[in-house]
């Protein structure tokens, strides 16, 4: 068990270093805190929440966030809502972008993050 504990500690430390380097907020849960309620509050404020033991890290990686990034890359103006769009200068192009989100794009995003995060 000592070896497994050492691996866990090294992994936890590596994730903390990576989060600091990438400016990713890390929130510690308090003892007996309802983690799902806290995670939902964080998700509403900042986007997707991923967990590592008692640590919640947030990354805005939802479908509409992905679409916003694509619009920004193409220089297309839009007004965002918390979970969608209020308006877009090119609504047909926005629909094409949304329709293009599929397994390949999700896999690419997953592989990108996999390269960034430390693995035990």
Protein backbone atom coordinates (compact mmCIF):
# COMPACT_ATOMS: atom_id res chain seq x y z
CA UNK A 1 0.00 0.00 0.00
CA UNK A 2 2.91 2.39 0.62
CA UNK A 3 3.92 2.28 -3.06
CA UNK A 4 0.36 2.95 -4.22
CA UNK A 5 0.13 5.88 -1.79
CA UNK A 6 3.37 7.31 -3.14
CA UNK A 7 2.11 7.04 -6.72
CA UNK A 8 -1.14 8.75 -5.71
CA UNK A 9 0.71 11.60 -3.98
CA UNK A 10 3.00 12.13 -6.99
CA UNK A 11 0.01 12.15 -9.32
CA UNK A 12 -1.92 14.61 -7.11
CA UNK A 13 1.13 16.89 -6.92
CA UNK A 14 1.65 16.72 -10.69
CA UNK A 15 -2.00 17.65 -11.33
CA UNK A 16 -1.73 20.61 -8.95
CA UNK A 17 1.42 21.83 -10.73
CA UNK A 18 -0.26 21.43 -14.13
CA UNK A 19 -3.36 23.31 -12.94
CA UNK A 20 -1.22 26.18 -11.65
CA UNK A 21 0.81 26.31 -14.86
CA UNK A 22 -2.34 26.30 -17.03
CA UNK A 23 -4.22 28.71 -14.72
CA UNK A 24 -6.95 26.13 -14.12
CA UNK A 25 -8.97 26.85 -10.97
CA UNK A 26 -8.85 24.07 -8.39
CA UNK A 27 -11.43 23.95 -5.62
CA UNK A 28 -11.03 21.88 -2.47
CA UNK A 29 -14.16 20.36 -1.00
CA UNK A 30 -14.72 20.72 2.71
CA UNK A 31 -15.29 17.70 4.93
CA UNK A 32 -18.92 16.47 4.72
CA UNK A 33 -19.67 18.98 1.97
CA UNK A 34 -22.19 17.77 -0.63
CA UNK A 35 -19.79 17.49 -3.55
CA UNK A 36 -22.48 17.17 -6.24
CA UNK A 37 -24.15 20.41 -5.09
CA UNK A 38 -20.83 22.28 -5.02
CA UNK A 39 -19.87 20.85 -8.41
CA UNK A 40 -23.19 22.01 -9.89
CA UNK A 41 -22.60 25.53 -8.57
CA UNK A 42 -19.08 25.54 -10.02
CA UNK A 43 -20.34 24.14 -13.32
CA UNK A 44 -22.93 26.94 -13.60
CA UNK A 45 -20.22 29.52 -12.97
CA UNK A 46 -17.33 28.14 -15.00
CA UNK A 47 -18.25 25.18 -17.19
CA UNK A 48 -17.47 21.48 -17.05
CA UNK A 49 -16.24 20.04 -13.76
CA UNK A 50 -13.91 17.05 -13.51
CA UNK A 51 -12.96 15.35 -10.28
CA UNK A 52 -9.81 14.00 -8.75
CA UNK A 53 -10.62 12.68 -5.30
CA UNK A 54 -11.64 15.75 -3.25
CA UNK A 55 -10.48 18.24 -5.87
CA UNK A 56 -12.76 19.76 -8.51
CA UNK A 57 -11.13 21.26 -11.57
CA UNK A 58 -13.14 23.27 -14.04
CA UNK A 59 -12.65 23.47 -17.78
CA UNK A 60 -15.15 25.12 -20.11
CA UNK A 61 -15.55 22.17 -22.48
CA UNK A 62 -19.24 21.93 -23.30
CA UNK A 63 -20.75 21.75 -26.78
CA UNK A 64 -21.71 25.41 -26.82
CA UNK A 65 -18.26 26.40 -25.52
CA UNK A 66 -16.70 24.39 -28.33
CA UNK A 67 -18.99 26.16 -30.84
CA UNK A 68 -18.02 29.56 -29.38
CA UNK A 69 -14.34 28.73 -29.89
CA UNK A 70 -15.03 27.79 -33.51
CA UNK A 71 -16.91 31.05 -34.09
CA UNK A 72 -14.03 33.01 -32.55
CA UNK A 73 -11.49 31.22 -34.78
CA UNK A 74 -13.56 32.23 -37.81
CA UNK A 75 -14.10 35.82 -36.59
CA UNK A 76 -17.90 35.45 -36.43
CA UNK A 77 -19.61 37.72 -33.89
CA UNK A 78 -22.09 36.24 -31.41
CA UNK A 79 -23.82 36.93 -28.11
CA UNK A 80 -23.61 34.04 -25.68
CA UNK A 81 -26.04 32.87 -23.04
CA UNK A 82 -25.04 30.71 -20.07
CA UNK A 83 -25.86 27.58 -22.03
CA UNK A 84 -26.26 28.63 -25.65
CA UNK A 85 -26.48 31.65 -27.94
CA UNK A 86 -28.64 34.76 -27.89
CA UNK A 87 -27.59 35.84 -31.37
CA UNK A 88 -25.02 35.21 -34.08
CA UNK A 89 -23.94 37.32 -37.04
CA UNK A 90 -24.03 34.20 -39.23
CA UNK A 91 -26.70 31.87 -37.81
CA UNK A 92 -26.47 29.41 -40.71
CA UNK A 93 -22.72 29.08 -40.14
CA UNK A 94 -23.35 28.59 -36.41
CA UNK A 95 -25.75 25.76 -37.24
CA UNK A 96 -23.13 24.16 -39.52
CA UNK A 97 -20.55 24.41 -36.73
CA UNK A 98 -22.92 22.83 -34.21
CA UNK A 99 -23.82 20.07 -36.66
CA UNK A 100 -20.13 19.35 -37.23
CA UNK A 101 -19.45 18.47 -33.58
CA UNK A 102 -19.09 14.72 -33.58
CA UNK A 103 -16.93 11.85 -32.39
CA UNK A 104 -13.82 13.05 -34.27
CA UNK A 105 -13.89 16.50 -32.66
CA UNK A 106 -14.57 15.07 -29.22
CA UNK A 107 -11.76 12.54 -29.66
CA UNK A 108 -9.39 15.33 -30.79
CA UNK A 109 -10.30 17.41 -27.73
CA UNK A 110 -9.85 14.39 -25.47
CA UNK A 111 -6.43 13.63 -26.99
CA UNK A 112 -5.40 17.28 -26.57
CA UNK A 113 -6.24 17.20 -22.85
CA UNK A 114 -4.68 13.77 -22.45
CA UNK A 115 -1.36 15.25 -23.60
CA UNK A 116 -1.65 18.04 -21.02
CA UNK A 117 -2.63 16.17 -17.88
CA UNK A 118 -0.15 14.18 -15.87
CA UNK A 119 -0.86 10.45 -15.73
CA UNK A 120 0.02 8.20 -12.80
